[in-house]
Amino acid sequence: MELNQNELNSIKELIENSNKILIIPHKSPDGDTMGSALGLYQLFKNLGKEPEVRCFDPPPLVFSFMPNVEQVKVDLEDLDYDSIFIVDAGASHLTGFNESYPELFDKSLNVVNIDHHGSNDFFGKYNLVVTDSASATAIVYEMILQLGLEIDRHIATCLLTGIYTDTGSFMHSNTTAEVMKISARLLAKGANLRSISKDIFNTTKVSTMRLWGRVMKNAYQTSDQVTMSIVTNKDFEDTGADYSEMTGAVDYVNAVPSAKYSVILTERGDKVKGSLRTLRDEVDVAEIAAAYGGGGHTKAAGFTIPGKLEKEIRWKVVDK
C-alpha cells in the first residue's frame, strides 16, 4: 500500500508535537471505525500522549471485547486538542458532528482524515485516503509501520477487528493477498482472533435472532432482480433489538444467487437507513447510494434520508 509521503511526514511531525489528541469514529460505529480509533488510542497512550475517543453514538456491545472500548465517550464537548484524527468516515457528515462543530472541516484545525471510501471529500488538513484499501485499519497499520512505531497486542487486536469485519471474515471480494499478509503480521503481534471471531460472528442474542427473522420474513425480489427487505420501528420494539443488531443482516439478504444487488431499508426514528450490497462486478452500489446522499464502496454502500416506510399495494389485471 502506498501512502502519500508528504502527508505522512506532516502527520509524523503533528504526532510528535501533540499531547492532547482527539480521535473520532463515524456515527453508528462498526468494527473498522472502532478498530481504527481504539488502535490509535493505544498507540498514542504508548507514546505518552493524552488521547480521547469521542463518538456521536455509543459503541455496540458486540465490541465489548476490544481493548479500551470503555474509554469511548459519547458526544463532543469542545475542540481543545492539539490534533484530531477522524477515522473511517467516508464524508464529513458521517461523523455526526458536522452541524455542531463545522469548524472540524474547514481545515483551520489539525485534522487527520484516515479513510478508504471513494466518497471521501478530503475534509482534513491532512488526508490519508486510500480507496483501494480493504479497511481503514489497514491504512492505520501501514501508517504505523512507515512511521517506525511499535504495534503491541492490543493495537493488533483492534486493527485485525477492522480488517476482519470489513472483509466479512475474509469472505468478501476485498480479501486480497495484501490483506492476508497484514492479518498474519497482526496475529504474530498477538491479535486475539478467537475473541474477534467469537464475539462478532459467532455470538448472537435472542433479540438479534428475532430481528433477523423479521428481515427474512419481509424479504422479496423485484422484477429487476433486486432483493429487498424492510425493518420498521415496530420491528425493533417487538423484538427488543437495538439498531446495532442490524449489522450483517444485509449480507444474508445478499446471498440470493440471482440478485443484481440487495437492499435493506430500516426505519430509525424519523429517518430511513438504506444498506446496499452486491456480488456483481458490473454493479456499483456506491453510485446508487450517492443518488440518495449516501456513499461507500462499489460492493457495499449506504444512505440515510428523512422519512418513514409506508406499505404500498398495487393490483393489475392479467389474461388467463
C-alpha atoms as a PDB file:
ATOM      1  CA  MET A   1       0.000   0.000   0.000  1.00  0.00           C
ATOM      2  CA  GLU A   2       1.359   3.404  -0.973  1.00  0.00           C
ATOM      3  CA  LEU A   3       0.737   6.335   1.361  1.00  0.00           C
ATOM      4  CA  ASN A   4       1.284   9.955   0.404  1.00  0.00           C
ATOM      5  CA  GLN A   5       4.763  10.645   1.760  1.00  0.00           C
ATOM      6  CA  ASN A   6       4.223  14.380   2.228  1.00  0.00           C
ATOM      7  CA  GLU A   7       1.055  13.746   4.247  1.00  0.00           C
ATOM      8  CA  LEU A   8       2.834  11.042   6.221  1.00  0.00           C
ATOM      9  CA  ASN A   9       5.730  13.361   7.108  1.00  0.00           C
ATOM     10  CA  SER A  10       3.278  16.049   8.232  1.00  0.00           C
ATOM     11  CA  ILE A  11       1.357  13.549  10.368  1.00  0.00           C
ATOM     12  CA  LYS A  12       4.575  12.310  11.959  1.00  0.00           C
ATOM     13  CA  GLU A  13       5.523  15.860  12.930  1.00  0.00           C
ATOM     14  CA  LEU A  14       1.988  16.521  14.154  1.00  0.00           C
ATOM     15  CA  ILE A  15       2.009  13.467  16.436  1.00  0.00           C
ATOM     16  CA  GLU A  16       5.407  14.414  17.841  1.00  0.00           C
ATOM     17  CA  ASN A  17       4.173  17.927  18.680  1.00  0.00           C
ATOM     18  CA  SER A  18       0.773  16.882  20.068  1.00  0.00           C
ATOM     19  CA  ASN A  19      -0.133  15.985  23.629  1.00  0.00           C
ATOM     20  CA  LYS A  20      -3.941  16.101  23.742  1.00  0.00           C
ATOM     21  CA  ILE A  21      -5.259  14.073  20.805  1.00  0.00           C
ATOM     22  CA  LEU A  22      -8.909  13.580  19.876  1.00  0.00           C
ATOM     23  CA  ILE A  23      -9.983  10.505  17.898  1.00  0.00           C
ATOM     24  CA  ILE A  24     -13.414  10.476  16.228  1.00  0.00           C
ATOM     25  CA  PRO A  25     -15.012   7.318  14.772  1.00  0.00           C
ATOM     26  CA  HIS A  26     -18.005   7.684  12.473  1.00  0.00           C
ATOM     27  CA  LYS A  27     -21.541   7.611  13.889  1.00  0.00           C
ATOM     28  CA  SER A  28     -23.261   4.211  14.211  1.00  0.00           C
ATOM     29  CA  PRO A  29     -19.771   2.756  14.700  1.00  0.00           C
ATOM     30  CA  ASP A  30     -18.770  -0.543  13.105  1.00  0.00           C
ATOM     31  CA  GLY A  31     -15.726  -2.770  13.533  1.00  0.00           C
ATOM     32  CA  ASP A  32     -13.468  -0.831  11.182  1.00  0.00           C
ATOM     33  CA  THR A  33     -14.039   2.601  12.680  1.00  0.00           C
ATOM     34  CA  MET A  34     -13.817   1.234  16.249  1.00  0.00           C
ATOM     35  CA  GLY A  35     -10.708  -0.773  15.396  1.00  0.00           C
ATOM     36  CA  SER A  36      -9.028   2.265  13.862  1.00  0.00           C
ATOM     37  CA  ALA A  37      -9.982   4.555  16.747  1.00  0.00           C
ATOM     38  CA  LEU A  38      -9.027   2.197  19.558  1.00  0.00           C
ATOM     39  CA  GLY A  39      -5.854   1.108  17.784  1.00  0.00           C
ATOM     40  CA  LEU A  40      -4.777   4.751  17.576  1.00  0.00           C
ATOM     41  CA  TYR A  41      -5.844   5.314  21.192  1.00  0.00           C
ATOM     42  CA  GLN A  42      -3.491   2.549  22.378  1.00  0.00           C
ATOM     43  CA  LEU A  43      -0.717   3.776  20.064  1.00  0.00           C
ATOM     44  CA  PHE A  44      -0.891   7.325  21.442  1.00  0.00           C
ATOM     45  CA  LYS A  45      -1.074   6.041  25.033  1.00  0.00           C
ATOM     46  CA  ASN A  46       2.109   4.056  24.383  1.00  0.00           C
ATOM     47  CA  LEU A  47       3.746   7.257  23.113  1.00  0.00           C
ATOM     48  CA  GLY A  48       2.908   9.077  26.356  1.00  0.00           C
ATOM     49  CA  LYS A  49       0.157  11.203  24.834  1.00  0.00           C
ATOM     50  CA  GLU A  50      -3.315  12.013  26.233  1.00  0.00           C
ATOM     51  CA  PRO A  51      -5.772  10.595  23.686  1.00  0.00           C
ATOM     52  CA  GLU A  52      -9.578  10.661  23.880  1.00  0.00           C
ATOM     53  CA  VAL A  53     -12.109   8.801  21.727  1.00  0.00           C
ATOM     54  CA  ARG A  54     -15.430  10.583  21.285  1.00  0.00           C
ATOM     55  CA  CYS A  55     -18.226   9.223  19.127  1.00  0.00           C
ATOM     56  CA  PHE A  56     -21.669  10.512  18.182  1.00  0.00           C
ATOM     57  CA  ASP A  57     -23.149   7.108  19.144  1.00  0.00           C
ATOM     58  CA  PRO A  58     -22.080   4.564  21.771  1.00  0.00           C
ATOM     59  CA  PRO A  59     -20.164   1.509  20.507  1.00  0.00           C
ATOM     60  CA  PRO A  60     -22.338  -1.618  20.125  1.00  0.00           C
ATOM     61  CA  LEU A  61     -21.983  -4.242  22.869  1.00  0.00           C
ATOM     62  CA  VAL A  62     -20.610  -6.696  20.317  1.00  0.00           C
ATOM     63  CA  PHE A  63     -17.306  -4.779  20.521  1.00  0.00           C
ATOM     64  CA  SER A  64     -17.020  -5.079  24.303  1.00  0.00           C
ATOM     65  CA  PHE A  65     -14.022  -7.412  23.901  1.00  0.00           C
ATOM     66  CA  MET A  66     -11.922  -4.652  22.318  1.00  0.00           C
ATOM     67  CA  PRO A  67      -9.112  -3.125  24.379  1.00  0.00           C
ATOM     68  CA  ASN A  68     -10.007   0.326  25.822  1.00  0.00           C
ATOM     69  CA  VAL A  69     -13.587   0.277  24.473  1.00  0.00           C
ATOM     70  CA  GLU A  70     -14.713   1.541  27.889  1.00  0.00           C
ATOM     71  CA  GLN A  71     -12.765   4.739  27.196  1.00  0.00           C
ATOM     72  CA  VAL A  72     -15.085   5.738  24.345  1.00  0.00           C
ATOM     73  CA  LYS A  73     -17.152   8.770  25.323  1.00  0.00           C
ATOM     74  CA  VAL A  74     -20.386   9.809  23.651  1.00  0.00           C
ATOM     75  CA  ASP A  75     -20.764  13.357  22.324  1.00  0.00           C
ATOM     76  CA  LEU A  76     -18.180  16.108  21.969  1.00  0.00           C
ATOM     77  CA  GLU A  77     -17.758  18.941  24.460  1.00  0.00           C
ATOM     78  CA  ASP A  78     -15.133  21.124  22.760  1.00  0.00           C
ATOM     79  CA  LEU A  79     -12.275  21.088  20.260  1.00  0.00           C
ATOM     80  CA  ASP A  80      -9.478  21.965  22.655  1.00  0.00           C
ATOM     81  CA  TYR A  81      -6.993  19.433  21.288  1.00  0.00           C
ATOM     82  CA  ASP A  82      -3.571  19.638  19.677  1.00  0.00           C
ATOM     83  CA  SER A  83      -4.623  17.279  16.885  1.00  0.00           C
ATOM     84  CA  ILE A  84      -7.730  15.407  15.784  1.00  0.00           C
ATOM     85  CA  PHE A  85      -7.857  12.050  13.994  1.00  0.00           C
ATOM     86  CA  ILE A  86     -11.103  11.141  12.183  1.00  0.00           C
ATOM     87  CA  VAL A  87     -11.202   7.511  11.070  1.00  0.00           C
ATOM     88  CA  ASP A  88     -13.256   5.579   8.511  1.00  0.00           C
ATOM     89  CA  ALA A  89     -15.649   8.467   7.797  1.00  0.00           C
ATOM     90  CA  GLY A  90     -16.448   8.467   4.079  1.00  0.00           C
ATOM     91  CA  ALA A  91     -17.650  12.083   4.309  1.00  0.00           C
ATOM     92  CA  SER A  92     -17.645  14.802   6.952  1.00  0.00           C
ATOM     93  CA  HIS A  93     -21.352  14.397   7.783  1.00  0.00           C
ATOM     94  CA  LEU A  94     -20.800  10.763   8.759  1.00  0.00           C
ATOM     95  CA  THR A  95     -19.092  11.844  11.966  1.00  0.00           C
ATOM     96  CA  GLY A  96     -22.378  13.246  13.256  1.00  0.00           C
ATOM     97  CA  PHE A  97     -20.553  16.381  14.410  1.00  0.00           C
ATOM     98  CA  ASN A  98     -20.699  18.295  11.130  1.00  0.00           C
ATOM     99  CA  GLU A  99     -23.542  20.547  12.277  1.00  0.00           C
ATOM    100  CA  SER A 100     -22.485  21.134  15.891  1.00  0.00           C
ATOM    101  CA  TYR A 101     -18.795  21.605  15.050  1.00  0.00           C
ATOM    102  CA  PRO A 102     -18.488  22.744  11.398  1.00  0.00           C
ATOM    103  CA  GLU A 103     -15.010  24.104  12.121  1.00  0.00           C
ATOM    104  CA  LEU A 104     -13.810  20.481  12.221  1.00  0.00           C
ATOM    105  CA  PHE A 105     -13.949  20.529   8.446  1.00  0.00           C
ATOM    106  CA  ASP A 106     -12.767  23.999   7.393  1.00  0.00           C
ATOM    107  CA  LYS A 107      -9.078  22.965   7.560  1.00  0.00           C
ATOM    108  CA  SER A 108      -8.299  25.506  10.289  1.00  0.00           C
ATOM    109  CA  LEU A 109      -7.673  22.685  12.781  1.00  0.00           C
ATOM    110  CA  ASN A 110      -5.051  19.939  12.740  1.00  0.00           C
ATOM    111  CA  VAL A 111      -7.455  17.276  11.478  1.00  0.00           C
ATOM    112  CA  VAL A 112      -6.091  13.995  10.107  1.00  0.00           C
ATOM    113  CA  ASN A 113      -8.545  12.152   7.872  1.00  0.00           C
ATOM    114  CA  ILE A 114      -7.836   8.401   7.578  1.00  0.00           C
ATOM    115  CA  ASP A 115     -10.245   6.597   5.287  1.00  0.00           C
ATOM    116  CA  HIS A 116     -10.760   4.151   2.402  1.00  0.00           C
ATOM    117  CA  HIS A 117     -14.106   5.224   0.908  1.00  0.00           C
ATOM    118  CA  GLY A 118     -14.394   6.534  -2.656  1.00  0.00           C
ATOM    119  CA  SER A 119     -16.942   9.059  -1.403  1.00  0.00           C
ATOM    120  CA  ASN A 120     -14.431  10.761   0.905  1.00  0.00           C
ATOM    121  CA  ASP A 121     -14.383  14.551   0.420  1.00  0.00           C
ATOM    122  CA  PHE A 122     -10.828  15.071   1.791  1.00  0.00           C
ATOM    123  CA  PHE A 123     -12.116  17.194   4.680  1.00  0.00           C
ATOM    124  CA  GLY A 124      -8.912  17.044   6.736  1.00  0.00           C
ATOM    125  CA  LYS A 125      -5.930  19.334   6.787  1.00  0.00           C
ATOM    126  CA  TYR A 126      -4.039  16.062   6.312  1.00  0.00           C
ATOM    127  CA  ASN A 127      -5.598  13.172   4.378  1.00  0.00           C
ATOM    128  CA  LEU A 128      -4.535   9.527   4.274  1.00  0.00           C
ATOM    129  CA  VAL A 129      -7.244   8.292   1.926  1.00  0.00           C
ATOM    130  CA  VAL A 130      -6.557   5.039   0.073  1.00  0.00           C
ATOM    131  CA  THR A 131      -9.699   3.961  -1.759  1.00  0.00           C
ATOM    132  CA  ASP A 132      -8.413   0.528  -2.768  1.00  0.00           C
ATOM    133  CA  SER A 133      -7.593  -0.425   0.822  1.00  0.00           C
ATOM    134  CA  ALA A 134      -9.811  -3.140   2.311  1.00  0.00           C
ATOM    135  CA  SER A 135     -10.283  -1.166   5.530  1.00  0.00           C
ATOM    136  CA  ALA A 136      -9.289   1.965   7.386  1.00  0.00           C
ATOM    137  CA  THR A 137      -7.447  -0.211   9.901  1.00  0.00           C
ATOM    138  CA  ALA A 138      -5.206  -1.487   7.104  1.00  0.00           C
ATOM    139  CA  ILE A 139      -4.237   2.140   6.405  1.00  0.00           C
ATOM    140  CA  VAL A 140      -3.599   2.734  10.114  1.00  0.00           C
ATOM    141  CA  TYR A 141      -1.397  -0.376  10.120  1.00  0.00           C
ATOM    142  CA  GLU A 142       0.627   0.902   7.174  1.00  0.00           C
ATOM    143  CA  MET A 143       0.910   4.360   8.724  1.00  0.00           C
ATOM    144  CA  ILE A 144       2.259   2.923  11.982  1.00  0.00           C
ATOM    145  CA  LEU A 145       4.681   0.747  10.038  1.00  0.00           C
ATOM    146  CA  GLN A 146       6.010   3.599   7.906  1.00  0.00           C
ATOM    147  CA  LEU A 147       6.337   5.883  10.925  1.00  0.00           C
ATOM    148  CA  GLY A 148       8.565   3.268  12.562  1.00  0.00           C
ATOM    149  CA  LEU A 149       6.284   2.864  15.588  1.00  0.00           C
ATOM    150  CA  GLU A 150       5.524  -0.312  17.539  1.00  0.00           C
ATOM    151  CA  ILE A 151       2.386  -2.430  17.398  1.00  0.00           C
ATOM    152  CA  ASP A 152       1.537  -4.242  20.642  1.00  0.00           C
ATOM    153  CA  ARG A 153      -1.073  -6.982  21.097  1.00  0.00           C
ATOM    154  CA  HIS A 154      -3.841  -4.504  21.958  1.00  0.00           C
ATOM    155  CA  ILE A 155      -3.233  -2.433  18.825  1.00  0.00           C
ATOM    156  CA  ALA A 156      -3.018  -5.655  16.804  1.00  0.00           C
ATOM    157  CA  THR A 157      -6.399  -6.871  18.102  1.00  0.00           C
ATOM    158  CA  CYS A 158      -8.039  -3.542  17.259  1.00  0.00           C
ATOM    159  CA  LEU A 159      -6.598  -3.386  13.747  1.00  0.00           C
ATOM    160  CA  LEU A 160      -7.437  -7.002  12.960  1.00  0.00           C
ATOM    161  CA  THR A 161     -11.025  -6.378  14.121  1.00  0.00           C
ATOM    162  CA  GLY A 162     -11.431  -3.745  11.399  1.00  0.00           C
ATOM    163  CA  ILE A 163      -9.966  -5.961   8.704  1.00  0.00           C
ATOM    164  CA  TYR A 164     -12.000  -8.970   9.817  1.00  0.00           C
ATOM    165  CA  THR A 165     -15.303  -7.109   9.814  1.00  0.00           C
ATOM    166  CA  ASP A 166     -14.791  -5.097   6.615  1.00  0.00           C
ATOM    167  CA  THR A 167     -13.846  -8.241   4.690  1.00  0.00           C
ATOM    168  CA  GLY A 168     -16.822 -10.180   6.099  1.00  0.00           C
ATOM    169  CA  SER A 169     -14.485 -12.541   7.974  1.00  0.00           C
ATOM    170  CA  PHE A 170     -12.267 -12.806   4.873  1.00  0.00           C
ATOM    171  CA  MET A 171     -15.150 -13.781   2.569  1.00  0.00           C
ATOM    172  CA  HIS A 172     -15.709 -10.537   0.620  1.00  0.00           C
ATOM    173  CA  SER A 173     -14.018  -9.704  -2.669  1.00  0.00           C
ATOM    174  CA  ASN A 174     -11.728  -7.161  -0.942  1.00  0.00           C
ATOM    175  CA  THR A 175      -9.841 -10.034   0.720  1.00  0.00           C
ATOM    176  CA  THR A 176      -6.565  -9.711  -1.160  1.00  0.00           C
ATOM    177  CA  ALA A 177      -3.119 -11.218  -0.694  1.00  0.00           C
ATOM    178  CA  GLU A 178      -2.074  -7.940   0.983  1.00  0.00           C
ATOM    179  CA  VAL A 179      -4.976  -8.229   3.439  1.00  0.00           C
ATOM    180  CA  MET A 180      -3.903 -11.747   4.399  1.00  0.00           C
ATOM    181  CA  LYS A 181      -0.272 -10.647   4.836  1.00  0.00           C
ATOM    182  CA  ILE A 182      -1.274  -7.784   7.136  1.00  0.00           C
ATOM    183  CA  SER A 183      -3.589 -10.075   9.093  1.00  0.00           C
ATOM    184  CA  ALA A 184      -0.833 -12.654   9.538  1.00  0.00           C
ATOM    185  CA  ARG A 185       1.523  -9.973  10.827  1.00  0.00           C
ATOM    186  CA  LEU A 186      -1.109  -8.738  13.285  1.00  0.00           C
ATOM    187  CA  LEU A 187      -1.624 -12.299  14.517  1.00  0.00           C
ATOM    188  CA  ALA A 188       2.128 -12.572  15.005  1.00  0.00           C
ATOM    189  CA  LYS A 189       1.916  -9.402  17.128  1.00  0.00           C
ATOM    190  CA  GLY A 190      -0.622 -11.082  19.407  1.00  0.00           C
ATOM    191  CA  ALA A 191      -4.009 -10.128  17.906  1.00  0.00           C
ATOM    192  CA  ASN A 192      -6.824 -12.074  19.592  1.00  0.00           C
ATOM    193  CA  LEU A 193      -8.550 -13.625  16.576  1.00  0.00           C
ATOM    194  CA  ARG A 194     -10.550 -16.006  18.761  1.00  0.00           C
ATOM    195  CA  SER A 195     -12.316 -13.157  20.562  1.00  0.00           C
ATOM    196  CA  ILE A 196     -12.880 -11.261  17.311  1.00  0.00           C
ATOM    197  CA  SER A 197     -14.494 -14.204  15.512  1.00  0.00           C
ATOM    198  CA  LYS A 198     -16.452 -15.451  18.543  1.00  0.00           C
ATOM    199  CA  ASP A 199     -17.838 -12.130  19.769  1.00  0.00           C
ATOM    200  CA  ILE A 200     -18.656 -10.619  16.382  1.00  0.00           C
ATOM    201  CA  PHE A 201     -19.680 -13.526  14.168  1.00  0.00           C
ATOM    202  CA  ASN A 202     -20.473 -16.419  16.496  1.00  0.00           C
ATOM    203  CA  THR A 203     -22.356 -14.782  19.349  1.00  0.00           C
ATOM    204  CA  THR A 204     -25.977 -13.851  18.709  1.00  0.00           C
ATOM    205  CA  LYS A 205     -28.545 -12.515  21.171  1.00  0.00           C
ATOM    206  CA  VAL A 206     -32.141 -13.762  21.103  1.00  0.00           C
ATOM    207  CA  SER A 207     -33.284 -10.242  20.202  1.00  0.00           C
ATOM    208  CA  THR A 208     -30.964 -10.293  17.179  1.00  0.00           C
ATOM    209  CA  MET A 209     -32.343 -13.659  16.054  1.00  0.00           C
ATOM    210  CA  ARG A 210     -35.892 -12.331  16.351  1.00  0.00           C
ATOM    211  CA  LEU A 211     -34.996  -9.156  14.443  1.00  0.00           C
ATOM    212  CA  TRP A 212     -33.278 -11.036  11.648  1.00  0.00           C
ATOM    213  CA  GLY A 213     -36.341 -13.279  11.495  1.00  0.00           C
ATOM    214  CA  ARG A 214     -38.338 -10.166  10.565  1.00  0.00           C
ATOM    215  CA  VAL A 215     -35.714  -9.306   7.928  1.00  0.00           C
ATOM    216  CA  MET A 216     -36.012 -12.765   6.340  1.00  0.00           C
ATOM    217  CA  LYS A 217     -39.822 -12.771   6.565  1.00  0.00           C
ATOM    218  CA  ASN A 218     -40.027  -9.406   4.787  1.00  0.00           C
ATOM    219  CA  ALA A 219     -37.533 -10.299   2.048  1.00  0.00           C
ATOM    220  CA  TYR A 220     -38.671 -10.322  -1.567  1.00  0.00           C
ATOM    221  CA  GLN A 221     -37.202  -9.869  -5.032  1.00  0.00           C
ATOM    222  CA  THR A 222     -38.334  -7.243  -7.523  1.00  0.00           C
ATOM    223  CA  SER A 223     -38.859  -7.803 -11.235  1.00  0.00           C
ATOM    224  CA  ASP A 224     -35.475  -6.117 -11.730  1.00  0.00           C
ATOM    225  CA  GLN A 225     -33.761  -8.824  -9.641  1.00  0.00           C
ATOM    226  CA  VAL A 226     -33.174  -6.577  -6.652  1.00  0.00           C
ATOM    227  CA  THR A 227     -33.537  -8.425  -3.349  1.00  0.00           C
ATOM    228  CA  MET A 228     -35.134  -6.191  -0.723  1.00  0.00           C
ATOM    229  CA  SER A 229     -36.308  -6.273   2.860  1.00  0.00           C
ATOM    230  CA  ILE A 230     -37.600  -3.714   5.324  1.00  0.00           C
ATOM    231  CA  VAL A 231     -37.430  -3.253   9.082  1.00  0.00           C
ATOM    232  CA  THR A 232     -39.781  -0.847  10.830  1.00  0.00           C
ATOM    233  CA  ASN A 233     -39.659   0.928  14.158  1.00  0.00           C
ATOM    234  CA  LYS A 234     -42.283  -1.560  15.352  1.00  0.00           C
ATOM    235  CA  ASP A 235     -39.978  -4.457  14.468  1.00  0.00           C
ATOM    236  CA  PHE A 236     -37.348  -3.048  16.813  1.00  0.00           C
ATOM    237  CA  GLU A 237     -39.942  -2.555  19.528  1.00  0.00           C
ATOM    238  CA  ASP A 238     -41.438  -6.043  19.141  1.00  0.00           C
ATOM    239  CA  THR A 239     -38.098  -7.856  19.160  1.00  0.00           C
ATOM    240  CA  GLY A 240     -36.390  -5.743  21.810  1.00  0.00           C
ATOM    241  CA  ALA A 241     -33.424  -5.235  19.497  1.00  0.00           C
ATOM    242  CA  ASP A 242     -31.450  -2.039  19.011  1.00  0.00           C
ATOM    243  CA  TYR A 243     -30.176  -0.566  15.762  1.00  0.00           C
ATOM    244  CA  SER A 244     -26.697  -2.064  16.105  1.00  0.00           C
ATOM    245  CA  GLU A 245     -28.177  -5.568  15.844  1.00  0.00           C
ATOM    246  CA  MET A 246     -28.860  -5.000  12.140  1.00  0.00           C
ATOM    247  CA  THR A 247     -25.129  -5.329  11.448  1.00  0.00           C
ATOM    248  CA  GLY A 248     -24.540  -8.159   8.973  1.00  0.00           C
ATOM    249  CA  ALA A 249     -28.189  -8.779   8.088  1.00  0.00           C
ATOM    250  CA  VAL A 250     -27.853  -7.316   4.599  1.00  0.00           C
ATOM    251  CA  ASP A 251     -25.121  -9.841   3.778  1.00  0.00           C
ATOM    252  CA  TYR A 252     -27.620 -12.665   4.317  1.00  0.00           C
ATOM    253  CA  VAL A 253     -30.174 -10.958   2.097  1.00  0.00           C
ATOM    254  CA  ASN A 254     -27.413 -10.566  -0.490  1.00  0.00           C
ATOM    255  CA  ALA A 255     -26.953 -14.352  -0.618  1.00  0.00           C
ATOM    256  CA  VAL A 256     -29.789 -14.798  -3.148  1.00  0.00           C
ATOM    257  CA  PRO A 257     -27.873 -16.073  -6.237  1.00  0.00           C
ATOM    258  CA  SER A 258     -29.933 -14.293  -8.902  1.00  0.00           C
ATOM    259  CA  ALA A 259     -29.834 -10.842  -7.258  1.00  0.00           C
ATOM    260  CA  LYS A 260     -28.205  -7.894  -9.004  1.00  0.00           C
ATOM    261  CA  TYR A 261     -27.900  -6.233  -5.624  1.00  0.00           C
ATOM    262  CA  SER A 262     -29.623  -6.239  -2.244  1.00  0.00           C
ATOM    263  CA  VAL A 263     -31.168  -3.508  -0.124  1.00  0.00           C
ATOM    264  CA  ILE A 264     -32.469  -3.361   3.437  1.00  0.00           C
ATOM    265  CA  LEU A 265     -34.467  -0.265   4.356  1.00  0.00           C
ATOM    266  CA  THR A 266     -34.564   0.321   8.106  1.00  0.00           C
ATOM    267  CA  GLU A 267     -36.669   2.819   9.998  1.00  0.00           C
ATOM    268  CA  ARG A 268     -34.660   4.594  12.670  1.00  0.00           C
ATOM    269  CA  GLY A 269     -36.973   7.024  14.395  1.00  0.00           C
ATOM    270  CA  ASP A 270     -37.935   9.624  11.790  1.00  0.00           C
ATOM    271  CA  LYS A 271     -35.257   8.527   9.322  1.00  0.00           C
ATOM    272  CA  VAL A 272     -34.783   5.608   6.936  1.00  0.00           C
ATOM    273  CA  LYS A 273     -31.384   3.966   6.540  1.00  0.00           C
ATOM    274  CA  GLY A 274     -30.585   2.047   3.373  1.00  0.00           C
ATOM    275  CA  SER A 275     -27.905  -0.665   3.340  1.00  0.00           C
ATOM    276  CA  LEU A 276     -26.815  -1.986  -0.068  1.00  0.00           C
ATOM    277  CA  ARG A 277     -24.655  -4.937  -1.101  1.00  0.00           C
ATOM    278  CA  THR A 278     -23.774  -6.655  -4.369  1.00  0.00           C
ATOM    279  CA  LEU A 279     -21.693  -9.556  -5.598  1.00  0.00           C
ATOM    280  CA  ARG A 280     -21.893  -8.466  -9.253  1.00  0.00           C
ATOM    281  CA  ASP A 281     -18.814  -6.890 -10.841  1.00  0.00           C
ATOM    282  CA  GLU A 282     -20.936  -4.732 -13.140  1.00  0.00           C
ATOM    283  CA  VAL A 283     -22.967  -3.160 -10.306  1.00  0.00           C
ATOM    284  CA  ASP A 284     -21.726  -0.170  -8.270  1.00  0.00           C
ATOM    285  CA  VAL A 285     -23.950   0.221  -5.200  1.00  0.00           C
ATOM    286  CA  ALA A 286     -21.983   3.304  -4.092  1.00  0.00           C
ATOM    287  CA  GLU A 287     -23.334   5.064  -7.166  1.00  0.00           C
ATOM    288  CA  ILE A 288     -26.874   4.033  -6.225  1.00  0.00           C
ATOM    289  CA  ALA A 289     -26.387   5.217  -2.632  1.00  0.00           C
ATOM    290  CA  ALA A 290     -24.962   8.535  -3.864  1.00  0.00           C
ATOM    291  CA  ALA A 291     -28.288   9.296  -5.547  1.00  0.00           C
ATOM    292  CA  TYR A 292     -29.769   9.428  -2.023  1.00  0.00           C
ATOM    293  CA  GLY A 293     -26.940  11.443  -0.490  1.00  0.00           C
ATOM    294  CA  GLY A 294     -25.000   8.413   0.729  1.00  0.00           C
ATOM    295  CA  GLY A 295     -21.889   6.612  -0.400  1.00  0.00           C
ATOM    296  CA  GLY A 296     -19.493   3.802   0.374  1.00  0.00           C
ATOM    297  CA  HIS A 297     -17.759   1.174  -1.718  1.00  0.00           C
ATOM    298  CA  THR A 298     -18.522  -0.445  -5.044  1.00  0.00           C
ATOM    299  CA  LYS A 299     -19.778  -3.613  -3.332  1.00  0.00           C
ATOM    300  CA  ALA A 300     -21.109  -2.138  -0.064  1.00  0.00           C
ATOM    301  CA  ALA A 301     -22.741   1.231   0.498  1.00  0.00           C
ATOM    302  CA  GLY A 302     -25.497   3.014   2.364  1.00  0.00           C
ATOM    303  CA  PHE A 303     -27.534   6.162   2.837  1.00  0.00           C
ATOM    304  CA  THR A 304     -29.829   7.816   5.371  1.00  0.00           C
ATOM    305  CA  ILE A 305     -32.780  10.044   4.476  1.00  0.00           C
ATOM    306  CA  PRO A 306     -35.612  11.659   6.464  1.00  0.00           C
ATOM    307  CA  GLY A 307     -38.945   9.843   6.342  1.00  0.00           C
ATOM    308  CA  LYS A 308     -40.726   6.606   7.220  1.00  0.00           C
ATOM    309  CA  LEU A 309     -41.643   3.376   5.464  1.00  0.00           C
ATOM    310  CA  GLU A 310     -45.155   3.013   4.114  1.00  0.00           C
ATOM    311  CA  LYS A 311     -46.585  -0.144   2.581  1.00  0.00           C
ATOM    312  CA  GLU A 312     -47.900   0.193  -0.955  1.00  0.00           C
ATOM    313  CA  ILE A 313     -50.158  -2.373  -2.635  1.00  0.00           C
ATOM    314  CA  ARG A 314     -50.699  -2.475  -6.391  1.00  0.00           C
ATOM    315  CA  TRP A 315     -53.087  -4.601  -8.409  1.00  0.00           C
ATOM    316  CA  LYS A 316     -53.129  -5.419 -12.099  1.00  0.00           C
ATOM    317  CA  VAL A 317     -55.359  -7.449 -14.430  1.00  0.00           C
ATOM    318  CA  VAL A 318     -53.754 -10.277 -16.396  1.00  0.00           C
ATOM    319  CA  ASP A 319     -55.151 -12.628 -19.029  1.00  0.00           C
ATOM    320  CA  LYS A 320     -55.893 -16.196 -18.048  1.00  0.00           C
END
